[in-house]
Protein backbone atom coordinates (compact mmCIF):
# COMPACT_ATOMS: atom_id res chain seq x y z
CA MET A 1 60.23 -39.46 117.73
CA ASN A 2 58.93 -42.94 118.31
CA GLU A 3 59.25 -43.58 122.16
CA TYR A 4 61.25 -46.96 121.38
CA LEU A 5 63.79 -45.56 118.84
CA SER A 6 64.04 -42.73 120.90
CA LYS A 7 65.20 -44.83 123.58
CA VAL A 8 67.60 -47.13 121.53
CA ILE A 9 69.22 -43.95 120.11
CA GLU A 10 69.64 -42.77 123.90
CA HIS A 11 71.16 -45.88 125.08
CA THR A 12 73.20 -46.83 122.25
CA GLN A 13 74.77 -43.04 122.16
CA GLN A 14 75.64 -43.85 126.00
CA LEU A 15 77.18 -46.72 125.01
CA ASN A 16 79.15 -45.31 122.23
CA ALA A 17 79.85 -41.51 123.16
CA ASP A 18 83.53 -41.59 121.97
CA GLN A 19 82.53 -42.92 118.40
CA PRO A 20 80.88 -40.20 116.74
CA GLU A 21 81.04 -41.83 113.15
CA TYR A 22 79.12 -44.53 114.13
CA MET A 23 76.45 -42.71 116.31
CA GLN A 24 75.92 -40.67 113.16
CA ALA A 25 75.55 -43.65 110.60
CA VAL A 26 72.88 -45.46 113.32
CA LYS A 27 71.17 -41.76 113.74
CA GLU A 28 70.70 -41.65 110.21
CA VAL A 29 69.27 -45.16 109.71
CA LEU A 30 67.14 -45.27 112.95
CA ASN A 31 65.68 -41.77 112.12
CA SER A 32 64.60 -42.86 108.74
CA ILE A 33 62.97 -45.99 109.69
CA GLU A 34 60.46 -44.91 111.94
CA PRO A 35 57.79 -45.56 109.68
CA VAL A 36 58.29 -49.04 109.78
CA ILE A 37 58.47 -49.19 113.48
CA GLU A 38 55.23 -47.64 114.08
CA ARG A 39 54.13 -50.50 111.81
CA HIS A 40 55.47 -53.21 113.79
CA LYS A 41 55.05 -52.62 117.30
CA GLU A 42 56.62 -56.22 117.98
CA TYR A 43 60.14 -55.56 117.12
CA GLU A 44 60.42 -53.96 120.56
CA GLU A 45 59.44 -56.86 122.43
CA CYS A 46 62.27 -58.97 120.90
CA ALA A 47 64.72 -56.10 121.30
CA LEU A 48 65.34 -56.35 117.56
CA LEU A 49 66.46 -52.54 117.27
CA GLU A 50 69.47 -53.09 120.34
CA ARG A 51 70.56 -56.30 118.57
CA MET A 52 70.87 -54.68 115.37
CA VAL A 53 72.90 -51.64 116.42
CA GLU A 54 75.18 -54.15 118.24
CA PRO A 55 78.21 -56.09 116.14
CA GLU A 56 78.18 -59.58 116.61
CA ARG A 57 81.82 -58.98 116.79
CA CYS A 58 84.39 -56.56 117.14
CA ILE A 59 88.27 -57.63 116.84
CA LEU A 60 90.79 -55.67 117.53
CA PHE A 61 94.75 -56.59 117.32
CA ARG A 62 98.20 -55.23 117.26
CA VAL A 63 100.12 -55.46 113.99
CA PRO A 64 104.23 -55.46 114.19
CA TRP A 65 106.19 -54.91 111.26
CA VAL A 66 110.01 -54.05 110.00
CA ASP A 67 110.67 -51.12 107.89
CA ASP A 68 113.14 -50.61 105.43
CA ASN A 69 115.43 -49.24 108.13
CA GLY A 70 115.30 -52.35 110.06
CA LYS A 71 112.67 -50.41 112.63
CA VAL A 72 109.90 -51.94 114.09
CA LYS A 73 106.87 -50.30 113.75
CA VAL A 74 103.39 -51.50 115.37
CA ASN A 75 99.86 -50.68 114.12
CA ARG A 76 96.44 -51.31 115.28
CA GLY A 77 94.65 -54.12 113.16
CA TYR A 78 90.49 -54.36 112.96
CA ARG A 79 87.78 -56.51 111.77
CA ILE A 80 84.33 -55.89 112.44
CA GLN A 81 81.81 -58.54 111.91
CA TYR A 82 78.99 -56.84 111.91
CA SER A 83 76.04 -59.07 110.60
CA SER A 84 75.83 -62.58 109.67
CA LEU A 85 72.03 -62.41 108.94
CA ILE A 86 71.82 -63.33 105.32
CA GLY A 87 75.30 -64.59 104.44
CA PRO A 88 79.00 -64.67 105.47
CA TYR A 89 80.28 -61.42 106.69
CA LYS A 90 81.50 -59.59 103.42
CA GLY A 91 83.30 -55.87 103.76
CA GLY A 92 86.36 -54.41 102.51
CA LEU A 93 89.58 -53.48 104.38
CA ARG A 94 90.85 -49.71 104.91
CA PHE A 95 94.61 -48.94 105.75
CA HIS A 96 94.52 -45.28 106.45
CA PRO A 97 96.16 -43.08 109.35
CA SER A 98 92.03 -42.23 110.18
CA VAL A 99 91.07 -45.68 110.74
CA ASN A 100 89.76 -46.39 114.47
CA LEU A 101 86.93 -48.06 116.32
CA SER A 102 84.43 -45.57 115.52
CA ILE A 103 84.81 -45.60 111.65
CA MET A 104 85.43 -49.48 111.29
CA LYS A 105 81.76 -49.77 113.03
CA PHE A 106 79.92 -46.99 111.21
CA LEU A 107 81.19 -49.03 108.01
CA GLY A 108 80.35 -52.23 109.02
CA PHE A 109 76.87 -50.91 110.34
CA GLU A 110 76.68 -49.21 106.68
CA GLN A 111 77.72 -52.61 104.99
CA ILE A 112 75.08 -54.72 106.44
CA PHE A 113 72.37 -52.40 104.85
CA LYS A 114 74.28 -52.00 101.61
CA ASN A 115 74.88 -55.98 101.07
CA ALA A 116 70.98 -56.47 101.86
CA LEU A 117 70.10 -54.09 99.03
CA THR A 118 72.06 -55.88 96.42
CA GLY A 119 69.69 -59.01 97.28
CA LEU A 120 72.68 -61.42 97.50
CA PRO A 121 73.28 -63.84 100.11
CA ILE A 122 76.20 -61.59 102.09
CA GLY A 123 76.58 -60.44 105.55
CA GLY A 124 78.24 -57.29 106.34
CA ALA A 125 81.65 -56.48 107.73
CA LYS A 126 84.51 -54.18 107.86
CA GLY A 127 88.27 -53.83 108.83
CA GLY A 128 91.25 -52.40 108.68
CA SER A 129 94.35 -50.55 110.15
CA ASP A 130 95.77 -47.05 110.69
CA PHE A 131 98.54 -48.24 108.45
CA ASP A 132 99.39 -45.58 106.07
CA PRO A 133 100.59 -47.19 102.74
CA LYS A 134 101.55 -43.75 101.24
CA GLY A 135 105.12 -42.99 101.14
CA LYS A 136 105.90 -46.87 101.75
CA THR A 137 107.81 -48.95 99.94
CA ASP A 138 106.68 -52.44 97.93
CA GLY A 139 108.53 -54.11 100.83
CA GLU A 140 107.35 -52.19 103.52
CA ILE A 141 103.83 -52.75 102.60
CA MET A 142 103.94 -56.49 101.93
CA ARG A 143 106.03 -57.32 105.72
CA PHE A 144 102.74 -55.02 107.20
CA CYS A 145 100.26 -56.92 104.91
CA GLN A 146 101.94 -60.32 105.71
CA SER A 147 101.70 -59.26 109.80
CA PHE A 148 98.13 -58.62 109.34
CA MET A 149 97.13 -61.51 107.76
CA THR A 150 98.93 -63.52 110.43
CA GLU A 151 96.50 -62.62 112.91
CA LEU A 152 92.97 -61.70 110.54
CA TYR A 153 93.54 -65.32 108.63
CA ARG A 154 92.08 -67.37 112.03
CA HIS A 155 89.21 -65.25 111.17
CA ILE A 156 88.12 -65.18 107.80
CA GLY A 157 86.84 -67.90 105.42
CA ALA A 158 84.80 -68.12 102.16
CA ASP A 159 82.15 -69.22 104.41
CA VAL A 160 83.02 -67.32 107.47
CA ASP A 161 83.78 -63.56 106.33
CA VAL A 162 85.44 -62.30 103.07
CA PRO A 163 86.99 -59.32 103.38
CA ALA A 164 87.74 -57.27 99.91
CA GLY A 165 89.81 -54.02 99.30
CA ASP A 166 88.66 -49.95 100.59
CA ILE A 167 90.84 -47.01 100.89
CA GLY A 168 94.54 -48.09 100.89
CA VAL A 169 93.93 -51.46 99.99
CA GLY A 170 94.15 -52.04 96.27
CA ALA A 171 95.37 -54.99 93.98
CA ARG A 172 98.87 -55.06 95.50
CA GLU A 173 97.48 -55.24 98.98
CA ILE A 174 95.11 -57.88 98.50
CA GLY A 175 97.69 -59.55 96.43
CA TYR A 176 100.08 -59.85 99.44
CA LEU A 177 97.50 -60.50 101.68
CA PHE A 178 96.16 -63.33 99.78
CA GLY A 179 99.50 -64.61 99.47
CA GLN A 180 99.85 -64.77 103.36
CA TYR A 181 97.08 -66.70 103.64
CA LYS A 182 97.62 -69.11 101.28
CA ARG A 183 100.85 -69.85 102.96
CA ILE A 184 99.48 -70.34 106.57
CA ARG A 185 96.69 -72.32 105.41
CA ASP A 186 98.41 -74.55 102.83
CA ALA A 187 95.47 -74.45 100.81
CA TYR A 188 94.06 -72.44 97.68
CA GLU A 189 90.95 -70.92 98.92
CA GLY A 190 90.18 -68.32 96.25
CA GLY A 191 86.98 -67.30 97.66
CA VAL A 192 88.50 -65.82 101.27
CA LEU A 193 89.56 -62.62 99.70
CA THR A 194 87.77 -60.36 96.74
CA GLY A 195 89.35 -57.85 94.57
CA LYS A 196 92.04 -60.04 93.39
CA ASP A 197 94.09 -59.62 90.35
CA ILE A 198 92.37 -61.61 87.28
CA SER A 199 95.62 -63.84 87.05
CA TYR A 200 94.87 -65.66 90.20
CA GLY A 201 90.91 -65.97 91.04
CA GLY A 202 89.80 -62.40 90.50
CA SER A 203 87.16 -61.15 88.36
CA LEU A 204 86.67 -58.96 85.35
CA ALA A 205 84.90 -55.60 85.80
CA ARG A 206 85.97 -55.66 89.98
CA LYS A 207 88.13 -52.64 89.52
CA GLU A 208 85.20 -50.64 87.82
CA ALA A 209 82.28 -51.87 89.30
CA THR A 210 81.79 -49.15 92.27
CA GLY A 211 81.86 -46.36 89.73
CA TYR A 212 79.83 -48.08 87.25
CA GLY A 213 77.45 -48.80 89.89
CA LEU A 214 77.07 -45.62 90.77
CA MET A 215 76.45 -44.28 87.35
CA PHE A 216 73.81 -47.00 86.73
CA PHE A 217 71.99 -45.87 89.67
CA MET A 218 72.41 -42.03 88.97
CA ARG A 219 70.80 -42.83 85.60
CA GLU A 220 67.71 -44.91 86.76
CA MET A 221 66.91 -42.06 89.35
CA LEU A 222 67.26 -39.23 86.83
CA SER A 223 65.15 -41.32 84.42
CA ALA A 224 62.52 -41.64 87.08
CA HIS A 225 62.20 -37.77 87.18
CA ASN A 226 62.20 -37.35 83.38
CA ASN A 227 65.96 -36.54 83.21
CA SER A 228 69.14 -38.05 82.00
CA LEU A 229 73.04 -37.83 82.25
CA GLN A 230 73.36 -36.66 78.54
CA GLY A 231 74.74 -33.02 78.20
CA LYS A 232 74.80 -32.60 82.04
CA THR A 233 78.03 -31.04 83.80
CA VAL A 234 79.56 -33.50 86.37
CA THR A 235 82.18 -32.84 89.29
CA ILE A 236 83.80 -35.92 91.16
CA SER A 237 85.82 -35.65 94.16
CA GLY A 238 88.41 -38.09 94.52
CA SER A 239 90.71 -39.84 91.98
CA GLY A 240 90.82 -43.41 93.22
CA ASN A 241 89.05 -46.29 91.59
CA VAL A 242 85.29 -45.18 92.56
CA ALA A 243 86.11 -41.84 91.40
CA ILE A 244 87.99 -42.98 87.85
CA TYR A 245 85.41 -45.37 86.65
CA ALA A 246 82.49 -43.32 87.82
CA CYS A 247 84.00 -40.47 85.46
CA GLU A 248 84.53 -43.12 82.76
CA LYS A 249 80.87 -44.45 82.98
CA ALA A 250 79.56 -40.68 83.29
CA GLN A 251 81.64 -39.99 79.84
CA ALA A 252 80.41 -42.81 78.19
CA MET A 253 76.60 -41.84 79.06
CA GLY A 254 77.03 -38.38 77.44
CA ALA A 255 78.08 -36.37 80.57
CA LYS A 256 80.73 -33.64 80.87
CA VAL A 257 83.21 -34.34 84.00
CA VAL A 258 84.92 -31.03 84.39
CA ALA A 259 86.64 -31.39 88.02
CA MET A 260 87.98 -34.11 89.88
CA SER A 261 90.43 -34.07 93.36
CA ASP A 262 92.48 -35.67 95.70
CA SER A 263 93.76 -34.79 99.36
CA ASN A 264 95.72 -31.80 98.00
CA GLY A 265 93.40 -30.19 96.20
CA CYS A 266 91.39 -30.17 92.72
CA ILE A 267 91.55 -29.35 88.85
CA TYR A 268 88.97 -27.97 86.71
CA ASP A 269 89.17 -28.46 83.25
CA GLU A 270 85.89 -26.88 81.34
CA ASN A 271 86.71 -28.67 78.36
CA GLY A 272 86.11 -31.80 80.37
CA ILE A 273 88.75 -34.01 82.16
CA ASP A 274 90.86 -36.04 80.03
CA LEU A 275 90.35 -39.32 81.89
CA ASP A 276 93.49 -41.05 80.46
CA CYS A 277 95.74 -38.45 81.98
CA ILE A 278 94.26 -38.95 85.42
CA LYS A 279 94.66 -42.79 85.14
CA GLU A 280 98.36 -42.45 84.38
CA ILE A 281 98.65 -39.91 87.18
CA LYS A 282 96.93 -42.20 89.78
CA GLU A 283 97.31 -45.61 88.49
CA VAL A 284 100.93 -45.66 86.99
CA ARG A 285 102.54 -42.97 89.09
CA ARG A 286 100.48 -42.74 92.05
CA GLY A 287 101.18 -39.15 91.71
CA ARG A 288 99.08 -35.87 92.88
CA ILE A 289 96.34 -34.89 90.97
CA LYS A 290 98.29 -31.22 90.35
CA GLU A 291 100.27 -32.59 87.83
CA TYR A 292 97.65 -32.61 85.69
CA LEU A 293 98.66 -29.20 84.82
CA ASN A 294 102.01 -30.55 83.53
CA THR A 295 100.04 -31.54 80.33
CA HIS A 296 97.04 -29.72 80.40
CA PRO A 297 97.94 -25.80 81.23
CA GLU A 298 94.51 -24.55 80.20
CA ALA A 299 93.16 -26.11 83.42
CA GLU A 300 93.01 -24.51 87.08
CA TYR A 301 93.78 -25.90 90.13
CA PHE A 302 92.60 -25.15 93.58
CA GLU A 303 94.61 -26.11 96.79
CA ASN A 304 92.53 -27.52 99.84
CA THR A 305 92.60 -24.85 102.47
CA GLY A 306 89.87 -26.06 105.24
CA SER A 307 87.15 -28.35 105.51
CA HIS A 308 85.29 -27.39 102.45
CA SER A 309 86.83 -28.70 99.29
CA PRO A 310 87.16 -26.60 96.50
CA VAL A 311 85.77 -28.69 94.12
CA TRP A 312 82.52 -28.07 95.77
CA ASN A 313 82.45 -24.26 94.66
CA ILE A 314 82.24 -25.33 90.74
CA LYS A 315 79.02 -24.97 89.24
CA THR A 316 77.72 -28.40 88.09
CA ASP A 317 74.37 -30.43 87.40
CA ILE A 318 75.35 -33.55 89.35
CA ALA A 319 77.90 -33.68 92.18
CA LEU A 320 79.62 -37.22 93.04
CA PRO A 321 81.43 -36.93 96.22
CA CYS A 322 83.82 -40.10 95.85
CA ALA A 323 86.30 -39.57 98.42
CA THR A 324 85.66 -40.31 102.10
CA GLN A 325 83.52 -39.55 104.95
CA ASN A 326 81.62 -36.15 105.75
CA GLU A 327 83.72 -34.65 102.81
CA LEU A 328 80.47 -33.05 101.69
CA ASN A 329 79.78 -30.67 104.47
CA LEU A 330 76.72 -28.10 105.13
CA GLU A 331 78.68 -25.08 103.64
CA SER A 332 79.41 -27.17 100.41
CA ALA A 333 75.44 -28.33 99.92
CA LYS A 334 74.66 -24.45 100.39
CA ILE A 335 77.02 -23.74 97.45
CA LEU A 336 75.72 -26.61 95.41
CA VAL A 337 72.31 -25.69 95.46
CA GLN A 338 73.03 -21.77 94.95
CA ASN A 339 74.74 -22.84 91.67
CA GLY A 340 71.84 -25.18 90.88
CA VAL A 341 72.95 -28.76 91.31
CA ILE A 342 70.23 -31.14 90.34
CA ALA A 343 71.63 -34.66 91.81
CA VAL A 344 74.13 -35.92 93.96
CA GLY A 345 75.61 -39.57 93.84
CA GLU A 346 77.20 -40.88 96.86
CA GLY A 347 79.99 -42.64 95.55
CA ALA A 348 82.36 -43.03 98.91
CA ASN A 349 80.89 -44.04 102.04
CA MET A 350 78.83 -41.09 103.98
CA PRO A 351 80.32 -38.45 102.09
CA CYS A 352 77.51 -36.08 102.81
CA THR A 353 77.15 -34.82 106.75
CA GLN A 354 73.48 -35.13 107.97
CA ASP A 355 72.94 -31.84 107.78
CA ALA A 356 74.54 -31.73 104.12
CA THR A 357 72.15 -34.18 103.33
CA ASP A 358 69.08 -32.76 104.97
CA TYR A 359 69.74 -29.06 103.48
CA LEU A 360 69.97 -30.88 99.88
CA LEU A 361 66.65 -32.82 100.15
CA GLU A 362 64.79 -29.66 101.52
CA HIS A 363 65.70 -28.13 98.49
CA ASN A 364 64.46 -30.66 96.20
CA VAL A 365 67.89 -32.01 95.24
CA LEU A 366 67.80 -35.79 94.07
CA VAL A 367 70.36 -37.76 96.78
CA ALA A 368 71.66 -41.06 95.87
CA PRO A 369 72.63 -42.47 99.08
CA ALA A 370 75.88 -44.61 99.41
CA LYS A 371 74.40 -47.82 100.65
CA ALA A 372 72.37 -48.12 97.60
CA ALA A 373 74.55 -46.20 95.01
CA ASN A 374 77.86 -47.35 95.86
CA ALA A 375 76.95 -50.73 96.40
CA GLY A 376 78.11 -52.17 92.88
CA GLY A 377 81.73 -52.79 94.43
CA VAL A 378 80.53 -55.37 97.01
CA ALA A 379 77.87 -56.75 94.43
CA THR A 380 80.65 -57.50 91.88
CA SER A 381 82.63 -58.81 94.58
CA ALA A 382 79.88 -61.49 94.90
CA ILE A 383 79.93 -61.98 91.89
CA GLU A 384 83.65 -62.82 92.17
CA MET A 385 83.09 -65.40 94.89
CA SER A 386 80.45 -67.31 92.76
CA GLN A 387 83.18 -67.63 90.29
CA ASN A 388 85.48 -68.63 92.77
CA SER A 389 83.14 -71.43 93.77
CA MET A 390 82.44 -72.59 90.33
CA ARG A 391 86.28 -72.46 89.09
CA PHE A 392 85.35 -70.38 86.05
CA TYR A 393 85.36 -66.91 84.75
CA TYR A 394 82.83 -64.60 83.40
CA THR A 395 83.46 -62.04 80.53
CA PHE A 396 83.89 -58.66 81.51
CA GLU A 397 80.87 -57.80 79.40
CA GLU A 398 78.70 -61.00 81.64
CA VAL A 399 79.87 -59.27 85.07
CA GLU A 400 78.87 -55.82 84.01
CA ALA A 401 75.52 -56.80 82.29
CA LYS A 402 75.09 -59.04 85.80
CA LEU A 403 75.93 -55.76 87.67
CA GLU A 404 73.83 -53.31 85.71
CA LYS A 405 71.00 -55.73 86.50
CA ILE A 406 71.63 -55.59 90.40
CA MET A 407 72.08 -51.64 90.40
CA ILE A 408 68.54 -51.43 88.50
CA HIS A 409 67.10 -53.90 91.20
CA ILE A 410 68.50 -51.71 94.14
CA PHE A 411 67.05 -48.49 92.64
CA ASN A 412 63.64 -50.09 92.12
CA GLU A 413 63.76 -51.44 95.79
CA CYS A 414 64.82 -47.73 96.82
CA LYS A 415 62.01 -46.26 94.96
CA THR A 416 59.48 -48.71 96.02
CA ALA A 417 60.26 -48.65 100.17
CA SER A 418 59.86 -44.37 99.74
CA ASP A 419 56.86 -44.50 97.74
CA ASP A 420 55.03 -47.07 100.04
CA PHE A 421 55.94 -45.06 103.07
CA GLY A 422 55.04 -41.91 101.71
CA HIS A 423 58.21 -40.46 100.98
CA HIS A 424 58.59 -40.14 97.06
CA GLY A 425 61.77 -39.28 95.73
CA ASN A 426 63.80 -39.81 98.82
CA TYR A 427 65.85 -42.35 98.20
CA VAL A 428 67.83 -41.82 101.32
CA ILE A 429 64.99 -43.21 103.25
CA GLY A 430 63.82 -45.92 100.69
CA ALA A 431 67.11 -47.62 100.79
CA ASN A 432 67.21 -47.51 104.43
CA ILE A 433 63.62 -48.74 104.57
CA ALA A 434 64.22 -51.50 101.95
CA ALA A 435 67.38 -52.93 103.51
CA PHE A 436 66.04 -52.75 107.24
CA GLN A 437 63.12 -54.71 106.25
CA LYS A 438 64.64 -57.57 104.86
CA LEU A 439 67.45 -57.61 107.76
CA ALA A 440 64.49 -57.38 110.33
CA SER A 441 62.83 -60.48 108.61
CA ALA A 442 66.04 -62.39 108.85
CA MET A 443 66.63 -61.53 112.13
CA ILE A 444 62.99 -62.67 113.58
CA ALA A 445 62.97 -65.75 111.27
CA GLN A 446 66.05 -66.98 113.18
CA GLY A 447 65.27 -66.34 116.91
CA ILE A 448 67.26 -64.78 119.53
CA VAL A 449 70.85 -64.79 118.56
């Protein structure tokens, strides 16, 4: 490995030895940009990599709230304002028991590359809490969100930092957060949060954006290799926004989605997933995916029993991990390859472990990396920000057309970078190089800050 890269990785590991997810993300990017570093010896002189792997600001705070029984609870809140090189900090909020500093930093680091790829003027951030919305009443979630925003509001703003949703933070949570922000600020500042309901400044197609964007990227990637989604079998992990709308767009593009999952297990319907049923279970009733069998007894259900999800045991042409980080491991990758998978599209953030990604690429499986393939959500958030600034709404069709154009641009950026550096067809390396070059140029232009 390049001596400068090796030195930076070693030093970063020493500083962050207790943060495995963060170090996984850092190593994945730095290892893939070695050809760029070899061309630009001047990067070492200005400590460019050392600055890039260090967040601009990490905010950690307590979040006290009262449950329905009058008992006081305390959670931790985070906001990692990673980079404002190319625009205000931008990235989601995640409410999940697994949230910790390592996961927040990994997500923030990924976000700066993802946002750079969109071609839009947005920096990178991530935040959230170890609060678990599952099993909580609307009142409890509202009180938690109000307490969370009572601290967060002093760190955000339309030209400073614009949070959005992520796992555990949907339209309900964004509404409560925005209401509290408006109450504290005594002003309507619509551009401070994205993912809002259309009734108070949200964007049409925002809910669908990440899943739709994933499929636009998959279409372009397959087309570049003389293939298509038409007639292909697809399996999807997860059943949240990303998974649901990736399924919807995949079906519209002529693919047959046969499996989806949640944290308990997965369903397999060889006739094709009934998406209306999934939406009823997950978006209306907030139930478990196993309930699919109540109306579709011909389908099969497989319980999760370990680190390897049973959804990856199902024979498929295209696999779309859309649930959470590191959900598709080496064992999963081997089974997918054995079953003849041709492409994997990362709908979640870093859903493939590094050894799984390496194995897939070694076996000529096309991999659409998360920082490129799932950028549709943040791209549409930026479109929402622009609508808020203009006091104007685009139609659903207008937003979707803009999203499609952005995803085509992202794919072309990844392809050009991978081809330029001799890695034809490796869009993991292409995405990292394309984003890094833009960030490096901005960092050098702005001096030592």
